[in-house]
Amino acid sequence: MIRHEMITDQELYVLLRQGKILFGGNQQLKIYGTLHCRSGKRMKCKNRVFFKDEGEALALGYRPCGHCMRQAYMSWKNGSI
């Protein structure tokens, strides 16, 4: 997990281009989703974290976003994850 406020915009850009960051999350709400999610784009930088994959987010106790990851969210809600 990488906290947004701990890296520069240039470092973030490099990690995105290299494919080392695939998901973003809200540290306060413990929700993760795609980098293109409208909800994720509106969150404050101090709450934003990044993950290399879904497994990392789930292992840290985050749940899928109900907007951009509808199928994963429904599985999580029904207890399948």
PDB file of N, CA and C in Angstrom:
ATOM      1  N   MET A   1       0.852  -1.168   0.000  1.00  0.00           N
ATOM      2  CA  MET A   1       0.000   0.000   0.000  1.00  0.00           C
ATOM      3  C   MET A   1       0.902   1.236   0.000  1.00  0.00           C
ATOM      4  N   ILE A   2       0.562   2.174  -0.851  1.00  0.00           N
ATOM      5  CA  ILE A   2       1.302   3.424  -0.955  1.00  0.00           C
ATOM      6  C   ILE A   2       0.343   4.570  -0.664  1.00  0.00           C
ATOM      7  N   ARG A   3       0.700   5.415   0.282  1.00  0.00           N
ATOM      8  CA  ARG A   3      -0.134   6.584   0.599  1.00  0.00           C
ATOM      9  C   ARG A   3       0.174   7.691  -0.392  1.00  0.00           C
ATOM     10  N   HIS A   4      -0.846   8.338  -0.914  1.00  0.00           N
ATOM     11  CA  HIS A   4      -0.688   9.372  -1.938  1.00  0.00           C
ATOM     12  C   HIS A   4       0.150  10.544  -1.439  1.00  0.00           C
ATOM     13  N   GLU A   5      -0.048  10.932  -0.210  1.00  0.00           N
ATOM     14  CA  GLU A   5       0.680  12.096   0.292  1.00  0.00           C
ATOM     15  C   GLU A   5       2.158  11.805   0.551  1.00  0.00           C
ATOM     16  N   MET A   6       2.565  10.545   0.461  1.00  0.00           N
ATOM     17  CA  MET A   6       3.961  10.178   0.713  1.00  0.00           C
ATOM     18  C   MET A   6       4.814  10.123  -0.558  1.00  0.00           C
ATOM     19  N   ILE A   7       4.189  10.266  -1.742  1.00  0.00           N
ATOM     20  CA  ILE A   7       4.960  10.226  -2.982  1.00  0.00           C
ATOM     21  C   ILE A   7       4.671  11.483  -3.811  1.00  0.00           C
ATOM     22  N   THR A   8       5.614  11.803  -4.669  1.00  0.00           N
ATOM     23  CA  THR A   8       5.436  12.973  -5.533  1.00  0.00           C
ATOM     24  C   THR A   8       4.586  12.589  -6.741  1.00  0.00           C
ATOM     25  N   ASP A   9       4.099  13.590  -7.449  1.00  0.00           N
ATOM     26  CA  ASP A   9       3.321  13.327  -8.658  1.00  0.00           C
ATOM     27  C   ASP A   9       4.157  12.593  -9.702  1.00  0.00           C
ATOM     28  N   GLN A  10       5.433  12.919  -9.791  1.00  0.00           N
ATOM     29  CA  GLN A  10       6.322  12.260 -10.754  1.00  0.00           C
ATOM     30  C   GLN A  10       6.494  10.783 -10.405  1.00  0.00           C
ATOM     31  N   GLU A  11       6.705  10.483  -9.134  1.00  0.00           N
ATOM     32  CA  GLU A  11       6.842   9.092  -8.709  1.00  0.00           C
ATOM     33  C   GLU A  11       5.547   8.320  -8.974  1.00  0.00           C
ATOM     34  N   LEU A  12       4.418   8.947  -8.724  1.00  0.00           N
ATOM     35  CA  LEU A  12       3.121   8.330  -8.986  1.00  0.00           C
ATOM     36  C   LEU A  12       2.969   8.020 -10.471  1.00  0.00           C
ATOM     37  N   TYR A  13       3.324   8.972 -11.307  1.00  0.00           N
ATOM     38  CA  TYR A  13       3.237   8.789 -12.755  1.00  0.00           C
ATOM     39  C   TYR A  13       4.087   7.597 -13.207  1.00  0.00           C
ATOM     40  N   VAL A  14       5.296   7.489 -12.683  1.00  0.00           N
ATOM     41  CA  VAL A  14       6.190   6.392 -13.055  1.00  0.00           C
ATOM     42  C   VAL A  14       5.591   5.048 -12.634  1.00  0.00           C
ATOM     43  N   LEU A  15       5.076   4.968 -11.413  1.00  0.00           N
ATOM     44  CA  LEU A  15       4.474   3.722 -10.929  1.00  0.00           C
ATOM     45  C   LEU A  15       3.247   3.330 -11.754  1.00  0.00           C
ATOM     46  N   LEU A  16       2.464   4.311 -12.152  1.00  0.00           N
ATOM     47  CA  LEU A  16       1.294   4.033 -12.990  1.00  0.00           C
ATOM     48  C   LEU A  16       1.726   3.508 -14.355  1.00  0.00           C
ATOM     49  N   ARG A  17       2.712   4.142 -14.956  1.00  0.00           N
ATOM     50  CA  ARG A  17       3.193   3.731 -16.289  1.00  0.00           C
ATOM     51  C   ARG A  17       3.814   2.337 -16.258  1.00  0.00           C
ATOM     52  N   GLN A  18       4.445   1.989 -15.146  1.00  0.00           N
ATOM     53  CA  GLN A  18       5.072   0.677 -15.009  1.00  0.00           C
ATOM     54  C   GLN A  18       4.065  -0.413 -14.636  1.00  0.00           C
ATOM     55  N   GLY A  19       2.840  -0.025 -14.330  1.00  0.00           N
ATOM     56  CA  GLY A  19       1.816  -0.993 -13.959  1.00  0.00           C
ATOM     57  C   GLY A  19       1.938  -1.496 -12.533  1.00  0.00           C
ATOM     58  N   LYS A  20       2.665  -0.764 -11.692  1.00  0.00           N
ATOM     59  CA  LYS A  20       2.838  -1.176 -10.301  1.00  0.00           C
ATOM     60  C   LYS A  20       1.704  -0.696  -9.407  1.00  0.00           C
ATOM     61  N   ILE A  21       0.850   0.172  -9.939  1.00  0.00           N
ATOM     62  CA  ILE A  21      -0.343   0.630  -9.231  1.00  0.00           C
ATOM     63  C   ILE A  21      -1.543   0.380 -10.150  1.00  0.00           C
ATOM     64  N   LEU A  22      -2.493  -0.425  -9.680  1.00  0.00           N
ATOM     65  CA  LEU A  22      -3.669  -0.748 -10.483  1.00  0.00           C
ATOM     66  C   LEU A  22      -4.978  -0.335  -9.821  1.00  0.00           C
ATOM     67  N   PHE A  23      -4.944  -0.132  -8.501  1.00  0.00           N
ATOM     68  CA  PHE A  23      -6.156   0.212  -7.766  1.00  0.00           C
ATOM     69  C   PHE A  23      -5.871   1.339  -6.780  1.00  0.00           C
ATOM     70  N   GLY A  24      -6.910   2.105  -6.485  1.00  0.00           N
ATOM     71  CA  GLY A  24      -6.819   3.164  -5.489  1.00  0.00           C
ATOM     72  C   GLY A  24      -7.828   2.904  -4.402  1.00  0.00           C
ATOM     73  N   GLY A  25      -7.605   3.499  -3.243  1.00  0.00           N
ATOM     74  CA  GLY A  25      -8.528   3.276  -2.142  1.00  0.00           C
ATOM     75  C   GLY A  25      -8.627   4.464  -1.219  1.00  0.00           C
ATOM     76  N   ASN A  26      -9.624   4.411  -0.359  1.00  0.00           N
ATOM     77  CA  ASN A  26      -9.843   5.442   0.648  1.00  0.00           C
ATOM     78  C   ASN A  26      -9.454   4.844   1.995  1.00  0.00           C
ATOM     79  N   GLN A  27      -8.406   5.407   2.587  1.00  0.00           N
ATOM     80  CA  GLN A  27      -7.881   4.873   3.840  1.00  0.00           C
ATOM     81  C   GLN A  27      -8.883   4.998   4.985  1.00  0.00           C
ATOM     82  N   GLN A  28      -9.661   6.053   5.012  1.00  0.00           N
ATOM     83  CA  GLN A  28     -10.626   6.258   6.096  1.00  0.00           C
ATOM     84  C   GLN A  28     -11.811   5.294   6.000  1.00  0.00           C
ATOM     85  N   LEU A  29     -12.323   5.096   4.795  1.00  0.00           N
ATOM     86  CA  LEU A  29     -13.517   4.269   4.594  1.00  0.00           C
ATOM     87  C   LEU A  29     -13.204   2.801   4.331  1.00  0.00           C
ATOM     88  N   LYS A  30     -11.921   2.492   4.081  1.00  0.00           N
ATOM     89  CA  LYS A  30     -11.484   1.122   3.774  1.00  0.00           C
ATOM     90  C   LYS A  30     -12.196   0.575   2.529  1.00  0.00           C
ATOM     91  N   ILE A  31     -12.222   1.389   1.459  1.00  0.00           N
ATOM     92  CA  ILE A  31     -12.825   1.007   0.185  1.00  0.00           C
ATOM     93  C   ILE A  31     -11.759   1.128  -0.894  1.00  0.00           C
ATOM     94  N   TYR A  32     -11.717   0.167  -1.837  1.00  0.00           N
ATOM     95  CA  TYR A  32     -10.804   0.274  -2.964  1.00  0.00           C
ATOM     96  C   TYR A  32     -11.568   0.138  -4.268  1.00  0.00           C
ATOM     97  N   GLY A  33     -11.000   0.684  -5.330  1.00  0.00           N
ATOM     98  CA  GLY A  33     -11.644   0.609  -6.636  1.00  0.00           C
ATOM     99  C   GLY A  33     -10.663   0.901  -7.753  1.00  0.00           C
ATOM    100  N   THR A  34     -11.197   1.014  -8.963  1.00  0.00           N
ATOM    101  CA  THR A  34     -10.350   1.285 -10.117  1.00  0.00           C
ATOM    102  C   THR A  34      -9.849   2.728 -10.069  1.00  0.00           C
ATOM    103  N   LEU A  35      -8.825   3.005 -10.834  1.00  0.00           N
ATOM    104  CA  LEU A  35      -8.258   4.351 -10.861  1.00  0.00           C
ATOM    105  C   LEU A  35      -9.125   5.325 -11.646  1.00  0.00           C
ATOM    106  N   HIS A  36     -10.113   4.815 -12.380  1.00  0.00           N
ATOM    107  CA  HIS A  36     -10.984   5.660 -13.192  1.00  0.00           C
ATOM    108  C   HIS A  36     -12.314   5.969 -12.512  1.00  0.00           C
ATOM    109  N   CYS A  37     -12.515   5.492 -11.306  1.00  0.00           N
ATOM    110  CA  CYS A  37     -13.783   5.666 -10.589  1.00  0.00           C
ATOM    111  C   CYS A  37     -14.022   7.132 -10.238  1.00  0.00           C
ATOM    112  N   ARG A  38     -15.228   7.614 -10.502  1.00  0.00           N
ATOM    113  CA  ARG A  38     -15.575   8.999 -10.174  1.00  0.00           C
ATOM    114  C   ARG A  38     -15.511   9.252  -8.677  1.00  0.00           C
ATOM    115  N   SER A  39     -15.925   8.290  -7.887  1.00  0.00           N
ATOM    116  CA  SER A  39     -15.887   8.451  -6.433  1.00  0.00           C
ATOM    117  C   SER A  39     -14.448   8.583  -5.933  1.00  0.00           C
ATOM    118  N   GLY A  40     -13.570   7.780  -6.483  1.00  0.00           N
ATOM    119  CA  GLY A  40     -12.165   7.814  -6.078  1.00  0.00           C
ATOM    120  C   GLY A  40     -11.461   9.092  -6.466  1.00  0.00           C
ATOM    121  N   LYS A  41     -11.832   9.655  -7.594  1.00  0.00           N
ATOM    122  CA  LYS A  41     -11.197  10.885  -8.051  1.00  0.00           C
ATOM    123  C   LYS A  41     -11.560  12.078  -7.175  1.00  0.00           C
ATOM    124  N   ARG A  42     -12.682  11.994  -6.464  1.00  0.00           N
ATOM    125  CA  ARG A  42     -13.135  13.110  -5.634  1.00  0.00           C
ATOM    126  C   ARG A  42     -12.556  13.088  -4.220  1.00  0.00           C
ATOM    127  N   MET A  43     -11.930  11.999  -3.816  1.00  0.00           N
ATOM    128  CA  MET A  43     -11.465  11.919  -2.431  1.00  0.00           C
ATOM    129  C   MET A  43     -10.230  12.798  -2.194  1.00  0.00           C
ATOM    130  N   LYS A  44     -10.031  13.167  -0.969  1.00  0.00           N
ATOM    131  CA  LYS A  44      -8.892  13.991  -0.584  1.00  0.00           C
ATOM    132  C   LYS A  44      -7.606  13.174  -0.680  1.00  0.00           C
ATOM    133  N   CYS A  45      -6.528  13.837  -1.068  1.00  0.00           N
ATOM    134  CA  CYS A  45      -5.229  13.155  -1.205  1.00  0.00           C
ATOM    135  C   CYS A  45      -4.767  12.527   0.103  1.00  0.00           C
ATOM    136  N   LYS A  46      -5.088  13.153   1.216  1.00  0.00           N
ATOM    137  CA  LYS A  46      -4.629  12.609   2.499  1.00  0.00           C
ATOM    138  C   LYS A  46      -5.309  11.274   2.825  1.00  0.00           C
ATOM    139  N   ASN A  47      -6.445  10.981   2.204  1.00  0.00           N
ATOM    140  CA  ASN A  47      -7.157   9.721   2.433  1.00  0.00           C
ATOM    141  C   ASN A  47      -6.855   8.675   1.366  1.00  0.00           C
ATOM    142  N   ARG A  48      -6.209   9.061   0.260  1.00  0.00           N
ATOM    143  CA  ARG A  48      -6.015   8.173  -0.879  1.00  0.00           C
ATOM    144  C   ARG A  48      -4.794   7.286  -0.710  1.00  0.00           C
ATOM    145  N   VAL A  49      -4.981   6.000  -1.009  1.00  0.00           N
ATOM    146  CA  VAL A  49      -3.898   5.022  -1.007  1.00  0.00           C
ATOM    147  C   VAL A  49      -3.952   4.249  -2.327  1.00  0.00           C
ATOM    148  N   PHE A  50      -2.848   3.617  -2.673  1.00  0.00           N
ATOM    149  CA  PHE A  50      -2.768   2.860  -3.918  1.00  0.00           C
ATOM    150  C   PHE A  50      -2.330   1.431  -3.635  1.00  0.00           C
ATOM    151  N   PHE A  51      -2.832   0.505  -4.475  1.00  0.00           N
ATOM    152  CA  PHE A  51      -2.526  -0.913  -4.338  1.00  0.00           C
ATOM    153  C   PHE A  51      -2.035  -1.477  -5.662  1.00  0.00           C
ATOM    154  N   LYS A  52      -1.178  -2.505  -5.580  1.00  0.00           N
ATOM    155  CA  LYS A  52      -0.684  -3.141  -6.800  1.00  0.00           C
ATOM    156  C   LYS A  52      -1.696  -4.137  -7.371  1.00  0.00           C
ATOM    157  N   ASP A  53      -2.559  -4.690  -6.521  1.00  0.00           N
ATOM    158  CA  ASP A  53      -3.586  -5.619  -7.007  1.00  0.00           C
ATOM    159  C   ASP A  53      -4.717  -5.728  -5.985  1.00  0.00           C
ATOM    160  N   GLU A  54      -5.757  -6.432  -6.380  1.00  0.00           N
ATOM    161  CA  GLU A  54      -6.917  -6.593  -5.495  1.00  0.00           C
ATOM    162  C   GLU A  54      -6.575  -7.386  -4.242  1.00  0.00           C
ATOM    163  N   GLY A  55      -5.713  -8.381  -4.392  1.00  0.00           N
ATOM    164  CA  GLY A  55      -5.327  -9.218  -3.259  1.00  0.00           C
ATOM    165  C   GLY A  55      -4.723  -8.416  -2.121  1.00  0.00           C
ATOM    166  N   GLU A  56      -3.891  -7.450  -2.478  1.00  0.00           N
ATOM    167  CA  GLU A  56      -3.274  -6.596  -1.468  1.00  0.00           C
ATOM    168  C   GLU A  56      -4.339  -5.788  -0.716  1.00  0.00           C
ATOM    169  N   ALA A  57      -5.285  -5.230  -1.446  1.00  0.00           N
ATOM    170  CA  ALA A  57      -6.350  -4.434  -0.831  1.00  0.00           C
ATOM    171  C   ALA A  57      -7.210  -5.302   0.092  1.00  0.00           C
ATOM    172  N   LEU A  58      -7.586  -6.466  -0.375  1.00  0.00           N
ATOM    173  CA  LEU A  58      -8.409  -7.364   0.437  1.00  0.00           C
ATOM    174  C   LEU A  58      -7.664  -7.835   1.682  1.00  0.00           C
ATOM    175  N   ALA A  59      -6.377  -8.120   1.533  1.00  0.00           N
ATOM    176  CA  ALA A  59      -5.573  -8.577   2.667  1.00  0.00           C
ATOM    177  C   ALA A  59      -5.469  -7.509   3.750  1.00  0.00           C
ATOM    178  N   LEU A  60      -5.547  -6.250   3.353  1.00  0.00           N
ATOM    179  CA  LEU A  60      -5.462  -5.147   4.312  1.00  0.00           C
ATOM    180  C   LEU A  60      -6.836  -4.729   4.852  1.00  0.00           C
ATOM    181  N   GLY A  61      -7.877  -5.482   4.495  1.00  0.00           N
ATOM    182  CA  GLY A  61      -9.204  -5.240   5.052  1.00  0.00           C
ATOM    183  C   GLY A  61     -10.067  -4.244   4.299  1.00  0.00           C
ATOM    184  N   TYR A  62      -9.710  -3.932   3.057  1.00  0.00           N
ATOM    185  CA  TYR A  62     -10.506  -3.011   2.248  1.00  0.00           C
ATOM    186  C   TYR A  62     -11.590  -3.785   1.514  1.00  0.00           C
ATOM    187  N   ARG A  63     -12.705  -3.127   1.206  1.00  0.00           N
ATOM    188  CA  ARG A  63     -13.792  -3.755   0.461  1.00  0.00           C
ATOM    189  C   ARG A  63     -13.887  -3.117  -0.918  1.00  0.00           C
ATOM    190  N   PRO A  64     -14.451  -3.836  -1.899  1.00  0.00           N
ATOM    191  CA  PRO A  64     -14.600  -3.278  -3.251  1.00  0.00           C
ATOM    192  C   PRO A  64     -15.592  -2.120  -3.299  1.00  0.00           C
ATOM    193  N   CYS A  65     -15.360  -1.196  -4.214  1.00  0.00           N
ATOM    194  CA  CYS A  65     -16.243  -0.051  -4.432  1.00  0.00           C
ATOM    195  C   CYS A  65     -17.548  -0.522  -5.075  1.00  0.00           C
ATOM    196  N   GLY A  66     -18.651  -0.010  -4.598  1.00  0.00           N
ATOM    197  CA  GLY A  66     -19.953  -0.373  -5.141  1.00  0.00           C
ATOM    198  C   GLY A  66     -20.265   0.293  -6.468  1.00  0.00           C
ATOM    199  N   HIS A  67     -19.491   1.300  -6.864  1.00  0.00           N
ATOM    200  CA  HIS A  67     -19.732   2.005  -8.124  1.00  0.00           C
ATOM    201  C   HIS A  67     -18.950   1.390  -9.286  1.00  0.00           C
ATOM    202  N   CYS A  68     -17.644   1.306  -9.148  1.00  0.00           N
ATOM    203  CA  CYS A  68     -16.808   0.885 -10.279  1.00  0.00           C
ATOM    204  C   CYS A  68     -16.522  -0.615 -10.290  1.00  0.00           C
ATOM    205  N   MET A  69     -16.777  -1.305  -9.190  1.00  0.00           N
ATOM    206  CA  MET A  69     -16.496  -2.743  -9.106  1.00  0.00           C
ATOM    207  C   MET A  69     -17.741  -3.473  -8.622  1.00  0.00           C
ATOM    208  N   ARG A  70     -18.810  -3.289  -9.358  1.00  0.00           N
ATOM    209  CA  ARG A  70     -20.127  -3.778  -8.952  1.00  0.00           C
ATOM    210  C   ARG A  70     -20.146  -5.281  -8.648  1.00  0.00           C
ATOM    211  N   GLN A  71     -19.567  -6.097  -9.537  1.00  0.00           N
ATOM    212  CA  GLN A  71     -19.584  -7.560  -9.348  1.00  0.00           C
ATOM    213  C   GLN A  71     -18.811  -7.960  -8.086  1.00  0.00           C
ATOM    214  N   ALA A  72     -17.613  -7.403  -7.919  1.00  0.00           N
ATOM    215  CA  ALA A  72     -16.804  -7.724  -6.740  1.00  0.00           C
ATOM    216  C   ALA A  72     -17.494  -7.245  -5.467  1.00  0.00           C
ATOM    217  N   TYR A  73     -18.142  -6.087  -5.550  1.00  0.00           N
ATOM    218  CA  TYR A  73     -18.857  -5.553  -4.391  1.00  0.00           C
ATOM    219  C   TYR A  73     -20.005  -6.480  -3.997  1.00  0.00           C
ATOM    220  N   MET A  74     -20.765  -6.955  -4.995  1.00  0.00           N
ATOM    221  CA  MET A  74     -21.892  -7.842  -4.695  1.00  0.00           C
ATOM    222  C   MET A  74     -21.397  -9.153  -4.090  1.00  0.00           C
ATOM    223  N   SER A  75     -20.272  -9.668  -4.589  1.00  0.00           N
ATOM    224  CA  SER A  75     -19.688 -10.881  -4.011  1.00  0.00           C
ATOM    225  C   SER A  75     -19.275 -10.632  -2.564  1.00  0.00           C
ATOM    226  N   TRP A  76     -18.650  -9.477  -2.326  1.00  0.00           N
ATOM    227  CA  TRP A  76     -18.224  -9.127  -0.964  1.00  0.00           C
ATOM    228  C   TRP A  76     -19.450  -8.980  -0.051  1.00  0.00           C
ATOM    229  N   LYS A  77     -20.466  -8.330  -0.544  1.00  0.00           N
ATOM    230  CA  LYS A  77     -21.679  -8.085   0.248  1.00  0.00           C
ATOM    231  C   LYS A  77     -22.374  -9.400   0.608  1.00  0.00           C
ATOM    232  N   ASN A  78     -22.350 -10.346  -0.314  1.00  0.00           N
ATOM    233  CA  ASN A  78     -23.005 -11.650  -0.075  1.00  0.00           C
ATOM    234  C   ASN A  78     -22.102 -12.614   0.673  1.00  0.00           C
ATOM    235  N   GLY A  79     -20.900 -12.177   1.016  1.00  0.00           N
ATOM    236  CA  GLY A  79     -19.995 -13.011   1.805  1.00  0.00           C
ATOM    237  C   GLY A  79     -19.166 -13.982   1.022  1.00  0.00           C
ATOM    238  N   SER A  80     -19.068 -13.819  -0.286  1.00  0.00           N
ATOM    239  CA  SER A  80     -18.305 -14.745  -1.116  1.00  0.00           C
ATOM    240  C   SER A  80     -16.795 -14.471  -1.077  1.00  0.00           C
ATOM    241  N   ILE A  81     -16.437 -13.265  -0.703  1.00  0.00           N
ATOM    242  CA  ILE A  81     -15.000 -12.917  -0.680  1.00  0.00           C
ATOM    243  C   ILE A  81     -14.479 -13.108   0.717  1.00  0.00           C
TER     244      ILE A  81
END
